[in-house]
C-alpha atoms as a PDB file:
ATOM      1  CA  MET A   1       9.684 -11.274   2.572  1.00  0.00           C
ATOM      2  CA  ASP A   2       9.267  -9.631   5.910  1.00  0.00           C
ATOM      3  CA  CYS A   3       7.413  -6.028   5.643  1.00  0.00           C
ATOM      4  CA  HIS A   4       7.207  -3.506   8.270  1.00  0.00           C
ATOM      5  CA  LEU A   5       5.911   0.170   8.843  1.00  0.00           C
ATOM      6  CA  ILE A   6       7.446   2.551   6.393  1.00  0.00           C
ATOM      7  CA  PRO A   7       7.145   6.329   7.393  1.00  0.00           C
ATOM      8  CA  VAL A   8       6.423   8.756   4.705  1.00  0.00           C
ATOM      9  CA  TYR A   9       7.876  12.224   5.279  1.00  0.00           C
ATOM     10  CA  PRO A  10       6.641  15.617   4.030  1.00  0.00           C
ATOM     11  CA  PRO A  11       8.121  16.652   0.805  1.00  0.00           C
ATOM     12  CA  MET A  12      11.525  18.484   1.056  1.00  0.00           C
ATOM     13  CA  HIS A  13      11.570  22.058  -0.385  1.00  0.00           C
ATOM     14  CA  SER A  14      14.454  22.568  -2.773  1.00  0.00           C
ATOM     15  CA  LYS A  15      15.499  25.074  -5.332  1.00  0.00           C
ATOM     16  CA  LYS A  16      14.060  24.265  -8.690  1.00  0.00           C
ATOM     17  CA  ARG A  17      16.431  23.433 -11.561  1.00  0.00           C
ATOM     18  CA  LYS A  18      15.817  22.638 -15.171  1.00  0.00           C
ATOM     19  CA  LEU A  19      16.327  18.876 -16.089  1.00  0.00           C
ATOM     20  CA  SER A  20      18.967  20.200 -18.788  1.00  0.00           C
ATOM     21  CA  ASP A  21      21.046  21.815 -16.181  1.00  0.00           C
ATOM     22  CA  GLU A  22      21.206  18.718 -14.086  1.00  0.00           C
ATOM     23  CA  MET A  23      22.239  16.764 -17.316  1.00  0.00           C
ATOM     24  CA  ASN A  24      24.862  19.230 -17.689  1.00  0.00           C
ATOM     25  CA  ASP A  25      26.165  19.219 -14.009  1.00  0.00           C
ATOM     26  CA  ASN A  26      26.224  15.256 -13.964  1.00  0.00           C
ATOM     27  CA  ASP A  27      26.580  14.024 -17.148  1.00  0.00           C
ATOM     28  CA  HIS A  28      25.532  10.494 -16.272  1.00  0.00           C
ATOM     29  CA  THR A  29      22.165   9.133 -16.415  1.00  0.00           C
ATOM     30  CA  PRO A  30      21.766   7.109 -13.002  1.00  0.00           C
ATOM     31  CA  ALA A  31      20.965  10.381 -11.060  1.00  0.00           C
ATOM     32  CA  MET A  32      18.540  11.487 -13.775  1.00  0.00           C
ATOM     33  CA  GLU A  33      16.710   8.222 -13.695  1.00  0.00           C
ATOM     34  CA  ASP A  34      16.334   8.550  -9.937  1.00  0.00           C
ATOM     35  CA  THR A  35      14.628  11.890 -10.492  1.00  0.00           C
ATOM     36  CA  ILE A  36      12.359  10.671 -13.237  1.00  0.00           C
ATOM     37  CA  ALA A  37      11.515   7.468 -11.586  1.00  0.00           C
ATOM     38  CA  CYS A  38      10.919   8.612  -7.951  1.00  0.00           C
ATOM     39  CA  GLY A  39      10.618  12.692  -8.354  1.00  0.00           C
ATOM     40  CA  ARG A  40       6.837  12.723  -7.706  1.00  0.00           C
ATOM     41  CA  GLN A  41       6.442   9.796  -5.289  1.00  0.00           C
ATOM     42  CA  PHE A  42       3.791   8.066  -7.402  1.00  0.00           C
ATOM     43  CA  LEU A  43       3.382   4.240  -7.249  1.00  0.00           C
ATOM     44  CA  HIS A  44       2.268   2.510 -10.278  1.00  0.00           C
ATOM     45  CA  ILE A  45      -0.179  -0.076  -9.905  1.00  0.00           C
ATOM     46  CA  PRO A  46      -0.828  -1.875 -13.213  1.00  0.00           C
ATOM     47  CA  HIS A  47      -4.250  -3.526 -13.797  1.00  0.00           C
ATOM     48  CA  SER A  48      -3.908  -7.321 -13.695  1.00  0.00           C
ATOM     49  CA  ASP A  49      -5.813 -10.238 -12.512  1.00  0.00           C
ATOM     50  CA  LYS A  50      -3.467 -10.598  -9.661  1.00  0.00           C
ATOM     51  CA  VAL A  51      -3.947  -7.279  -7.897  1.00  0.00           C
ATOM     52  CA  TYR A  52      -7.004  -6.086  -6.246  1.00  0.00           C
ATOM     53  CA  GLN A  53      -7.944  -2.908  -4.104  1.00  0.00           C
ATOM     54  CA  THR A  54     -10.285  -1.716  -1.407  1.00  0.00           C
ATOM     55  CA  GLU A  55     -11.186   1.522   0.258  1.00  0.00           C
ATOM     56  CA  GLU A  56     -13.355  -0.299   3.038  1.00  0.00           C
ATOM     57  CA  TRP A  57     -10.872  -1.846   5.296  1.00  0.00           C
ATOM     58  CA  CYS A  58     -11.961  -3.005   8.616  1.00  0.00           C
ATOM     59  CA  THR A  59     -10.482  -6.368   9.368  1.00  0.00           C
ATOM     60  CA  ALA A  60      -9.117  -9.003   7.315  1.00  0.00           C
ATOM     61  CA  ASP A  61     -12.072 -11.234   7.911  1.00  0.00           C
ATOM     62  CA  SER A  62     -14.759  -8.483   6.643  1.00  0.00           C
ATOM     63  CA  ALA A  63     -12.843  -6.588   3.850  1.00  0.00           C
ATOM     64  CA  LEU A  64     -13.766  -7.314   0.206  1.00  0.00           C
ATOM     65  CA  PHE A  65     -11.169  -6.610  -2.405  1.00  0.00           C
ATOM     66  CA  HIS A  66     -12.168  -5.646  -5.864  1.00  0.00           C
ATOM     67  CA  PRO A  67     -10.243  -6.262  -9.109  1.00  0.00           C
ATOM     68  CA  VAL A  68      -8.020  -3.326 -10.439  1.00  0.00           C
ATOM     69  CA  THR A  69      -9.426  -2.715 -13.761  1.00  0.00           C
ATOM     70  CA  ASP A  70      -7.185   0.216 -14.855  1.00  0.00           C
ATOM     71  CA  ASP A  71      -3.514   1.447 -14.058  1.00  0.00           C
ATOM     72  CA  LEU A  72      -3.470   3.451 -11.081  1.00  0.00           C
ATOM     73  CA  MET A  73      -0.985   6.137  -9.901  1.00  0.00           C
ATOM     74  CA  VAL A  74      -1.064   6.387  -6.264  1.00  0.00           C
ATOM     75  CA  ASN A  75       0.545   9.544  -4.568  1.00  0.00           C
ATOM     76  CA  VAL A  76       2.392   8.008  -1.674  1.00  0.00           C
ATOM     77  CA  ARG A  77       3.156  11.671  -0.281  1.00  0.00           C
ATOM     78  CA  SER A  78      -0.585  11.834   0.724  1.00  0.00           C
ATOM     79  CA  VAL A  79      -0.201   9.065   3.250  1.00  0.00           C
ATOM     80  CA  GLU A  80       1.309   9.173   6.796  1.00  0.00           C
ATOM     81  CA  GLN A  81       2.212   5.553   6.939  1.00  0.00           C
ATOM     82  CA  ILE A  82       2.559   2.424   5.059  1.00  0.00           C
ATOM     83  CA  SER A  83       2.352  -1.237   6.200  1.00  0.00           C
ATOM     84  CA  CYS A  84       2.405  -4.750   4.661  1.00  0.00           C
ATOM     85  CA  ALA A  85       0.644  -8.002   5.806  1.00  0.00           C
ATOM     86  CA  ASP A  86      -0.086 -11.375   4.212  1.00  0.00           C
ATOM     87  CA  GLY A  87      -2.720 -13.895   4.755  1.00  0.00           C
ATOM     88  CA  HIS A  88      -6.223 -14.936   3.229  1.00  0.00           C
ATOM     89  CA  TYR A  89      -8.553 -12.393   1.923  1.00  0.00           C
ATOM     90  CA  PHE A  90     -11.931 -12.314   0.112  1.00  0.00           C
ATOM     91  CA  VAL A  91     -12.064 -11.102  -3.547  1.00  0.00           C
ATOM     92  CA  ALA A  92     -14.825  -9.811  -5.648  1.00  0.00           C
ATOM     93  CA  ASP A  93     -15.634 -10.415  -9.143  1.00  0.00           C
ATOM     94  CA  HIS A  94     -15.925  -7.562 -11.795  1.00  0.00           C
ATOM     95  CA  SER A  95     -19.616  -7.024 -10.662  1.00  0.00           C
ATOM     96  CA  GLY A  96     -18.591  -6.551  -6.971  1.00  0.00           C
ATOM     97  CA  LYS A  97     -19.901  -9.788  -5.615  1.00  0.00           C
ATOM     98  CA  TYR A  98     -17.950 -12.130  -3.623  1.00  0.00           C
ATOM     99  CA  SER A  99     -16.085 -14.624  -5.696  1.00  0.00           C
ATOM    100  CA  ARG A 100     -13.530 -16.472  -3.528  1.00  0.00           C
ATOM    101  CA  THR A 101     -10.833 -16.444  -0.821  1.00  0.00           C
ATOM    102  CA  VAL A 102      -7.054 -15.957  -1.940  1.00  0.00           C
ATOM    103  CA  THR A 103      -3.730 -16.108  -0.244  1.00  0.00           C
ATOM    104  CA  GLY A 104      -1.767 -12.940  -0.735  1.00  0.00           C
ATOM    105  CA  LYS A 105       0.296  -9.901   0.319  1.00  0.00           C
ATOM    106  CA  VAL A 106      -1.533  -6.395   1.160  1.00  0.00           C
ATOM    107  CA  ILE A 107      -0.098  -3.127   1.220  1.00  0.00           C
ATOM    108  CA  HIS A 108      -1.950  -0.596   3.464  1.00  0.00           C
ATOM    109  CA  PHE A 109      -2.012   3.165   2.914  1.00  0.00           C
ATOM    110  CA  TRP A 110      -2.639   4.816   6.273  1.00  0.00           C
ATOM    111  CA  ARG A 111      -4.021   8.590   6.526  1.00  0.00           C
ATOM    112  CA  TYR A 112      -4.523  10.637   9.838  1.00  0.00           C
ATOM    113  CA  ASP A 113      -7.980  11.814  10.498  1.00  0.00           C
ATOM    114  CA  LYS A 114      -7.725  15.110  12.367  1.00  0.00           C
ATOM    115  CA  THR A 115     -11.203  14.855  13.886  1.00  0.00           C
ATOM    116  CA  GLN A 116     -10.855  11.484  15.362  1.00  0.00           C
ATOM    117  CA  ARG A 117      -7.220  12.028  15.881  1.00  0.00           C
ATOM    118  CA  LYS A 118      -6.110   8.550  14.794  1.00  0.00           C
ATOM    119  CA  LEU A 119      -4.544   6.715  11.851  1.00  0.00           C
ATOM    120  CA  TYR A 120      -7.004   4.672   9.502  1.00  0.00           C
ATOM    121  CA  VAL A 121      -6.309   2.682   6.378  1.00  0.00           C
ATOM    122  CA  SER A 122      -7.438   4.741   3.571  1.00  0.00           C
ATOM    123  CA  ARG A 123      -6.785   2.179   0.861  1.00  0.00           C
ATOM    124  CA  SER A 124      -5.188  -1.236   0.699  1.00  0.00           C
ATOM    125  CA  PHE A 125      -4.003  -3.257  -2.314  1.00  0.00           C
ATOM    126  CA  LEU A 126      -3.833  -7.023  -2.407  1.00  0.00           C
ATOM    127  CA  PHE A 127      -1.399  -8.833  -4.481  1.00  0.00           C
ATOM    128  CA  THR A 128      -1.869 -12.724  -5.319  1.00  0.00           C
ATOM    129  CA  GLY A 129       1.350 -12.623  -7.576  1.00  0.00           C
ATOM    130  CA  VAL A 130       4.684 -12.365  -6.122  1.00  0.00           C
ATOM    131  CA  GLN A 131       6.272 -10.199  -9.081  1.00  0.00           C
ATOM    132  CA  GLU A 132       3.410  -7.573  -8.802  1.00  0.00           C
ATOM    133  CA  TYR A 133       3.940  -7.353  -5.089  1.00  0.00           C
ATOM    134  CA  LEU A 134       7.662  -7.245  -5.222  1.00  0.00           C
ATOM    135  CA  ALA A 135       7.849  -4.302  -7.795  1.00  0.00           C
ATOM    136  CA  ALA A 136       5.653  -2.125  -5.526  1.00  0.00           C
ATOM    137  CA  HIS A 137       7.383  -3.048  -2.555  1.00  0.00           C
ATOM    138  CA  ARG A 138      10.824  -2.340  -4.033  1.00  0.00           C
ATOM    139  CA  PHE A 139       9.286   1.185  -4.973  1.00  0.00           C
ATOM    140  CA  LEU A 140       8.074   1.849  -1.542  1.00  0.00           C
ATOM    141  CA  GLN A 141      11.468   0.903  -0.057  1.00  0.00           C
ATOM    142  CA  ARG A 142      13.360   3.761  -2.307  1.00  0.00           C
ATOM    143  CA  ILE A 143      11.248   6.489  -0.984  1.00  0.00           C
END
């Protein structure tokens, strides 16, 4: 599956409505499901032995990914850009020491540094399982 840069736009301002008002106006659940699932723009990253993370990205041959030990909710509204890559990456064990090199897909979250005036990778997630990657990728395509 090809992946490309996905721009993340600032939140749109809209009138606040009670959820019960929306239910009465629409009387069907698909619109409500979209509101509940994507309303706050948090990407759920479940803890798994197939998901790793790093906040110290420089290059693929120097980054060390650590296991995700807890479920995470990542606010995708706080990033400027999202990109994806695949390749071979270094992973650590639970103590933080290099364990092995794995093949997988990475999702990078980019932020803008106002002092340096450039984008940088603030956090990256490595997925060695296809199902975990596809779930995250599908969510990101919907925003």
